[in-house]
Amino acid sequence: MKQVPEKPNMSLQEAEEHYRLSSENYDVDSGESHLAYYREKHPANYQVLLDSV
């Protein structure tokens, strides 16, 4: 797994918007959920979302 910076410099709102927009690049046929795809491709942004739950 990729290293995640200690303090991502992205707000929760920016991370949510980025997650929403990243679905345009997500291939449903891959069999992988969008969340798993996002966690792999954007670990720092995913961490921001995870910390807000």
PDB file of N, CA and C in Angstrom:
ATOM      1  N   MET A   1       0.839  -1.179   0.000  1.00  0.00           N
ATOM      2  CA  MET A   1       0.000   0.000   0.000  1.00  0.00           C
ATOM      3  C   MET A   1       0.885   1.243   0.000  1.00  0.00           C
ATOM      4  N   LYS A   2       0.410   2.296  -0.626  1.00  0.00           N
ATOM      5  CA  LYS A   2       1.182   3.523  -0.735  1.00  0.00           C
ATOM      6  C   LYS A   2       1.238   4.252   0.591  1.00  0.00           C
ATOM      7  N   GLN A   3       2.302   5.010   0.781  1.00  0.00           N
ATOM      8  CA  GLN A   3       2.447   5.837   1.973  1.00  0.00           C
ATOM      9  C   GLN A   3       1.447   6.991   1.905  1.00  0.00           C
ATOM     10  N   VAL A   4       0.772   7.248   2.997  1.00  0.00           N
ATOM     11  CA  VAL A   4      -0.175   8.354   3.071  1.00  0.00           C
ATOM     12  C   VAL A   4       0.465   9.446   3.913  1.00  0.00           C
ATOM     13  N   PRO A   5       0.468  10.683   3.396  1.00  0.00           N
ATOM     14  CA  PRO A   5       1.042  11.776   4.185  1.00  0.00           C
ATOM     15  C   PRO A   5       0.313  11.918   5.521  1.00  0.00           C
ATOM     16  N   GLU A   6       1.033  12.377   6.529  1.00  0.00           N
ATOM     17  CA  GLU A   6       0.444  12.556   7.852  1.00  0.00           C
ATOM     18  C   GLU A   6      -0.766  13.481   7.817  1.00  0.00           C
ATOM     19  N   LYS A   7      -0.623  14.643   7.179  1.00  0.00           N
ATOM     20  CA  LYS A   7      -1.681  15.642   7.124  1.00  0.00           C
ATOM     21  C   LYS A   7      -1.991  15.991   5.677  1.00  0.00           C
ATOM     22  N   PRO A   8      -2.987  15.335   5.068  1.00  0.00           N
ATOM     23  CA  PRO A   8      -3.340  15.721   3.700  1.00  0.00           C
ATOM     24  C   PRO A   8      -3.787  17.177   3.689  1.00  0.00           C
ATOM     25  N   ASN A   9      -3.369  17.914   2.680  1.00  0.00           N
ATOM     26  CA  ASN A   9      -3.723  19.325   2.620  1.00  0.00           C
ATOM     27  C   ASN A   9      -4.962  19.539   1.755  1.00  0.00           C
ATOM     28  N   MET A  10      -5.987  18.767   2.025  1.00  0.00           N
ATOM     29  CA  MET A  10      -7.234  18.843   1.298  1.00  0.00           C
ATOM     30  C   MET A  10      -8.374  18.861   2.310  1.00  0.00           C
ATOM     31  N   SER A  11      -9.329  19.742   2.090  1.00  0.00           N
ATOM     32  CA  SER A  11     -10.476  19.801   2.991  1.00  0.00           C
ATOM     33  C   SER A  11     -11.418  18.640   2.698  1.00  0.00           C
ATOM     34  N   LEU A  12     -12.305  18.372   3.616  1.00  0.00           N
ATOM     35  CA  LEU A  12     -13.285  17.313   3.432  1.00  0.00           C
ATOM     36  C   LEU A  12     -14.133  17.585   2.195  1.00  0.00           C
ATOM     37  N   GLN A  13     -14.544  18.832   2.001  1.00  0.00           N
ATOM     38  CA  GLN A  13     -15.366  19.181   0.844  1.00  0.00           C
ATOM     39  C   GLN A  13     -14.604  18.927  -0.464  1.00  0.00           C
ATOM     40  N   GLU A  14     -13.325  19.270  -0.484  1.00  0.00           N
ATOM     41  CA  GLU A  14     -12.515  19.026  -1.683  1.00  0.00           C
ATOM     42  C   GLU A  14     -12.359  17.526  -1.932  1.00  0.00           C
ATOM     43  N   ALA A  15     -12.159  16.770  -0.877  1.00  0.00           N
ATOM     44  CA  ALA A  15     -12.015  15.317  -1.019  1.00  0.00           C
ATOM     45  C   ALA A  15     -13.311  14.692  -1.522  1.00  0.00           C
ATOM     46  N   GLU A  16     -14.446  15.144  -0.998  1.00  0.00           N
ATOM     47  CA  GLU A  16     -15.740  14.622  -1.452  1.00  0.00           C
ATOM     48  C   GLU A  16     -15.966  14.939  -2.923  1.00  0.00           C
ATOM     49  N   GLU A  17     -15.648  16.148  -3.326  1.00  0.00           N
ATOM     50  CA  GLU A  17     -15.809  16.546  -4.727  1.00  0.00           C
ATOM     51  C   GLU A  17     -14.876  15.733  -5.618  1.00  0.00           C
ATOM     52  N   HIS A  18     -13.639  15.541  -5.184  1.00  0.00           N
ATOM     53  CA  HIS A  18     -12.681  14.756  -5.959  1.00  0.00           C
ATOM     54  C   HIS A  18     -13.161  13.315  -6.097  1.00  0.00           C
ATOM     55  N   TYR A  19     -13.706  12.752  -5.027  1.00  0.00           N
ATOM     56  CA  TYR A  19     -14.232  11.385  -5.068  1.00  0.00           C
ATOM     57  C   TYR A  19     -15.375  11.291  -6.073  1.00  0.00           C
ATOM     58  N   ARG A  20     -16.262  12.275  -6.020  1.00  0.00           N
ATOM     59  CA  ARG A  20     -17.409  12.280  -6.932  1.00  0.00           C
ATOM     60  C   ARG A  20     -16.929  12.369  -8.382  1.00  0.00           C
ATOM     61  N   LEU A  21     -15.994  13.258  -8.650  1.00  0.00           N
ATOM     62  CA  LEU A  21     -15.493  13.432 -10.010  1.00  0.00           C
ATOM     63  C   LEU A  21     -14.676  12.232 -10.483  1.00  0.00           C
ATOM     64  N   SER A  22     -14.031  11.533  -9.561  1.00  0.00           N
ATOM     65  CA  SER A  22     -13.203  10.391  -9.960  1.00  0.00           C
ATOM     66  C   SER A  22     -14.049   9.240 -10.492  1.00  0.00           C
ATOM     67  N   SER A  23     -15.324   9.240 -10.191  1.00  0.00           N
ATOM     68  CA  SER A  23     -16.180   8.163 -10.693  1.00  0.00           C
ATOM     69  C   SER A  23     -16.270   8.189 -12.216  1.00  0.00           C
ATOM     70  N   GLU A  24     -15.966   9.333 -12.828  1.00  0.00           N
ATOM     71  CA  GLU A  24     -15.963   9.422 -14.292  1.00  0.00           C
ATOM     72  C   GLU A  24     -14.843   8.569 -14.890  1.00  0.00           C
ATOM     73  N   ASN A  25     -13.765   8.352 -14.142  1.00  0.00           N
ATOM     74  CA  ASN A  25     -12.637   7.557 -14.613  1.00  0.00           C
ATOM     75  C   ASN A  25     -12.735   6.100 -14.179  1.00  0.00           C
ATOM     76  N   TYR A  26     -13.768   5.769 -13.451  1.00  0.00           N
ATOM     77  CA  TYR A  26     -13.912   4.425 -12.894  1.00  0.00           C
ATOM     78  C   TYR A  26     -14.607   3.515 -13.896  1.00  0.00           C
ATOM     79  N   ASP A  27     -14.053   2.349 -14.109  1.00  0.00           N
ATOM     80  CA  ASP A  27     -14.607   1.366 -15.034  1.00  0.00           C
ATOM     81  C   ASP A  27     -15.402   0.328 -14.247  1.00  0.00           C
ATOM     82  N   VAL A  28     -16.721   0.351 -14.394  1.00  0.00           N
ATOM     83  CA  VAL A  28     -17.598  -0.547 -13.644  1.00  0.00           C
ATOM     84  C   VAL A  28     -17.281  -2.010 -13.963  1.00  0.00           C
ATOM     85  N   ASP A  29     -16.832  -2.279 -15.167  1.00  0.00           N
ATOM     86  CA  ASP A  29     -16.542  -3.656 -15.581  1.00  0.00           C
ATOM     87  C   ASP A  29     -15.344  -4.265 -14.870  1.00  0.00           C
ATOM     88  N   SER A  30     -14.624  -3.470 -14.121  1.00  0.00           N
ATOM     89  CA  SER A  30     -13.422  -3.983 -13.467  1.00  0.00           C
ATOM     90  C   SER A  30     -13.744  -4.959 -12.338  1.00  0.00           C
ATOM     91  N   GLY A  31     -14.962  -4.936 -11.818  1.00  0.00           N
ATOM     92  CA  GLY A  31     -15.329  -5.807 -10.716  1.00  0.00           C
ATOM     93  C   GLY A  31     -14.893  -5.274  -9.372  1.00  0.00           C
ATOM     94  N   GLU A  32     -14.224  -4.151  -9.365  1.00  0.00           N
ATOM     95  CA  GLU A  32     -13.738  -3.521  -8.141  1.00  0.00           C
ATOM     96  C   GLU A  32     -14.684  -2.370  -7.810  1.00  0.00           C
ATOM     97  N   SER A  33     -15.021  -2.204  -6.546  1.00  0.00           N
ATOM     98  CA  SER A  33     -15.902  -1.096  -6.184  1.00  0.00           C
ATOM     99  C   SER A  33     -15.200   0.232  -6.405  1.00  0.00           C
ATOM    100  N   HIS A  34     -15.975   1.270  -6.602  1.00  0.00           N
ATOM    101  CA  HIS A  34     -15.383   2.601  -6.791  1.00  0.00           C
ATOM    102  C   HIS A  34     -14.588   3.003  -5.560  1.00  0.00           C
ATOM    103  N   LEU A  35     -15.078   2.661  -4.378  1.00  0.00           N
ATOM    104  CA  LEU A  35     -14.372   3.006  -3.147  1.00  0.00           C
ATOM    105  C   LEU A  35     -13.002   2.323  -3.093  1.00  0.00           C
ATOM    106  N   ALA A  36     -12.940   1.051  -3.457  1.00  0.00           N
ATOM    107  CA  ALA A  36     -11.656   0.339  -3.477  1.00  0.00           C
ATOM    108  C   ALA A  36     -10.729   0.946  -4.524  1.00  0.00           C
ATOM    109  N   TYR A  37     -11.282   1.294  -5.671  1.00  0.00           N
ATOM    110  CA  TYR A  37     -10.502   1.954  -6.721  1.00  0.00           C
ATOM    111  C   TYR A  37      -9.937   3.270  -6.203  1.00  0.00           C
ATOM    112  N   TYR A  38     -10.777   4.043  -5.542  1.00  0.00           N
ATOM    113  CA  TYR A  38     -10.366   5.356  -5.042  1.00  0.00           C
ATOM    114  C   TYR A  38      -9.293   5.224  -3.964  1.00  0.00           C
ATOM    115  N   ARG A  39      -9.474   4.233  -3.084  1.00  0.00           N
ATOM    116  CA  ARG A  39      -8.495   3.991  -2.012  1.00  0.00           C
ATOM    117  C   ARG A  39      -7.120   3.679  -2.597  1.00  0.00           C
ATOM    118  N   GLU A  40      -7.083   2.919  -3.679  1.00  0.00           N
ATOM    119  CA  GLU A  40      -5.819   2.544  -4.315  1.00  0.00           C
ATOM    120  C   GLU A  40      -5.192   3.703  -5.083  1.00  0.00           C
ATOM    121  N   LYS A  41      -5.996   4.454  -5.804  1.00  0.00           N
ATOM    122  CA  LYS A  41      -5.464   5.504  -6.680  1.00  0.00           C
ATOM    123  C   LYS A  41      -5.209   6.824  -5.962  1.00  0.00           C
ATOM    124  N   HIS A  42      -5.941   7.100  -4.900  1.00  0.00           N
ATOM    125  CA  HIS A  42      -5.832   8.390  -4.204  1.00  0.00           C
ATOM    126  C   HIS A  42      -5.831   8.174  -2.689  1.00  0.00           C
ATOM    127  N   PRO A  43      -4.784   7.546  -2.142  1.00  0.00           N
ATOM    128  CA  PRO A  43      -4.790   7.179  -0.720  1.00  0.00           C
ATOM    129  C   PRO A  43      -4.891   8.369   0.234  1.00  0.00           C
ATOM    130  N   ALA A  44      -4.277   9.486  -0.077  1.00  0.00           N
ATOM    131  CA  ALA A  44      -4.336  10.647   0.827  1.00  0.00           C
ATOM    132  C   ALA A  44      -5.751  11.212   0.877  1.00  0.00           C
ATOM    133  N   ASN A  45      -6.382  11.308  -0.288  1.00  0.00           N
ATOM    134  CA  ASN A  45      -7.750  11.822  -0.336  1.00  0.00           C
ATOM    135  C   ASN A  45      -8.709  10.851   0.347  1.00  0.00           C
ATOM    136  N   TYR A  46      -8.480   9.566   0.139  1.00  0.00           N
ATOM    137  CA  TYR A  46      -9.298   8.551   0.793  1.00  0.00           C
ATOM    138  C   TYR A  46      -9.186   8.677   2.313  1.00  0.00           C
ATOM    139  N   GLN A  47      -7.984   8.944   2.798  1.00  0.00           N
ATOM    140  CA  GLN A  47      -7.776   9.096   4.241  1.00  0.00           C
ATOM    141  C   GLN A  47      -8.580  10.260   4.788  1.00  0.00           C
ATOM    142  N   VAL A  48      -8.669  11.364   4.050  1.00  0.00           N
ATOM    143  CA  VAL A  48      -9.477  12.504   4.471  1.00  0.00           C
ATOM    144  C   VAL A  48     -10.934  12.080   4.624  1.00  0.00           C
ATOM    145  N   LEU A  49     -11.438  11.329   3.654  1.00  0.00           N
ATOM    146  CA  LEU A  49     -12.823  10.858   3.724  1.00  0.00           C
ATOM    147  C   LEU A  49     -13.003   9.895   4.896  1.00  0.00           C
ATOM    148  N   LEU A  50     -12.064   8.999   5.069  1.00  0.00           N
ATOM    149  CA  LEU A  50     -12.133   8.010   6.139  1.00  0.00           C
ATOM    150  C   LEU A  50     -12.128   8.677   7.517  1.00  0.00           C
ATOM    151  N   ASP A  51     -11.317   9.702   7.678  1.00  0.00           N
ATOM    152  CA  ASP A  51     -11.226  10.398   8.949  1.00  0.00           C
ATOM    153  C   ASP A  51     -12.518  11.151   9.303  1.00  0.00           C
ATOM    154  N   SER A  52     -13.334  11.425   8.289  1.00  0.00           N
ATOM    155  CA  SER A  52     -14.559  12.190   8.548  1.00  0.00           C
ATOM    156  C   SER A  52     -15.740  11.310   8.933  1.00  0.00           C
ATOM    157  N   VAL A  53     -15.556   9.985   8.829  1.00  0.00           N
ATOM    158  CA  VAL A  53     -16.662   9.077   9.142  1.00  0.00           C
ATOM    159  C   VAL A  53     -16.772   8.860  10.625  1.00  0.00           C
TER     160      VAL A  53
END
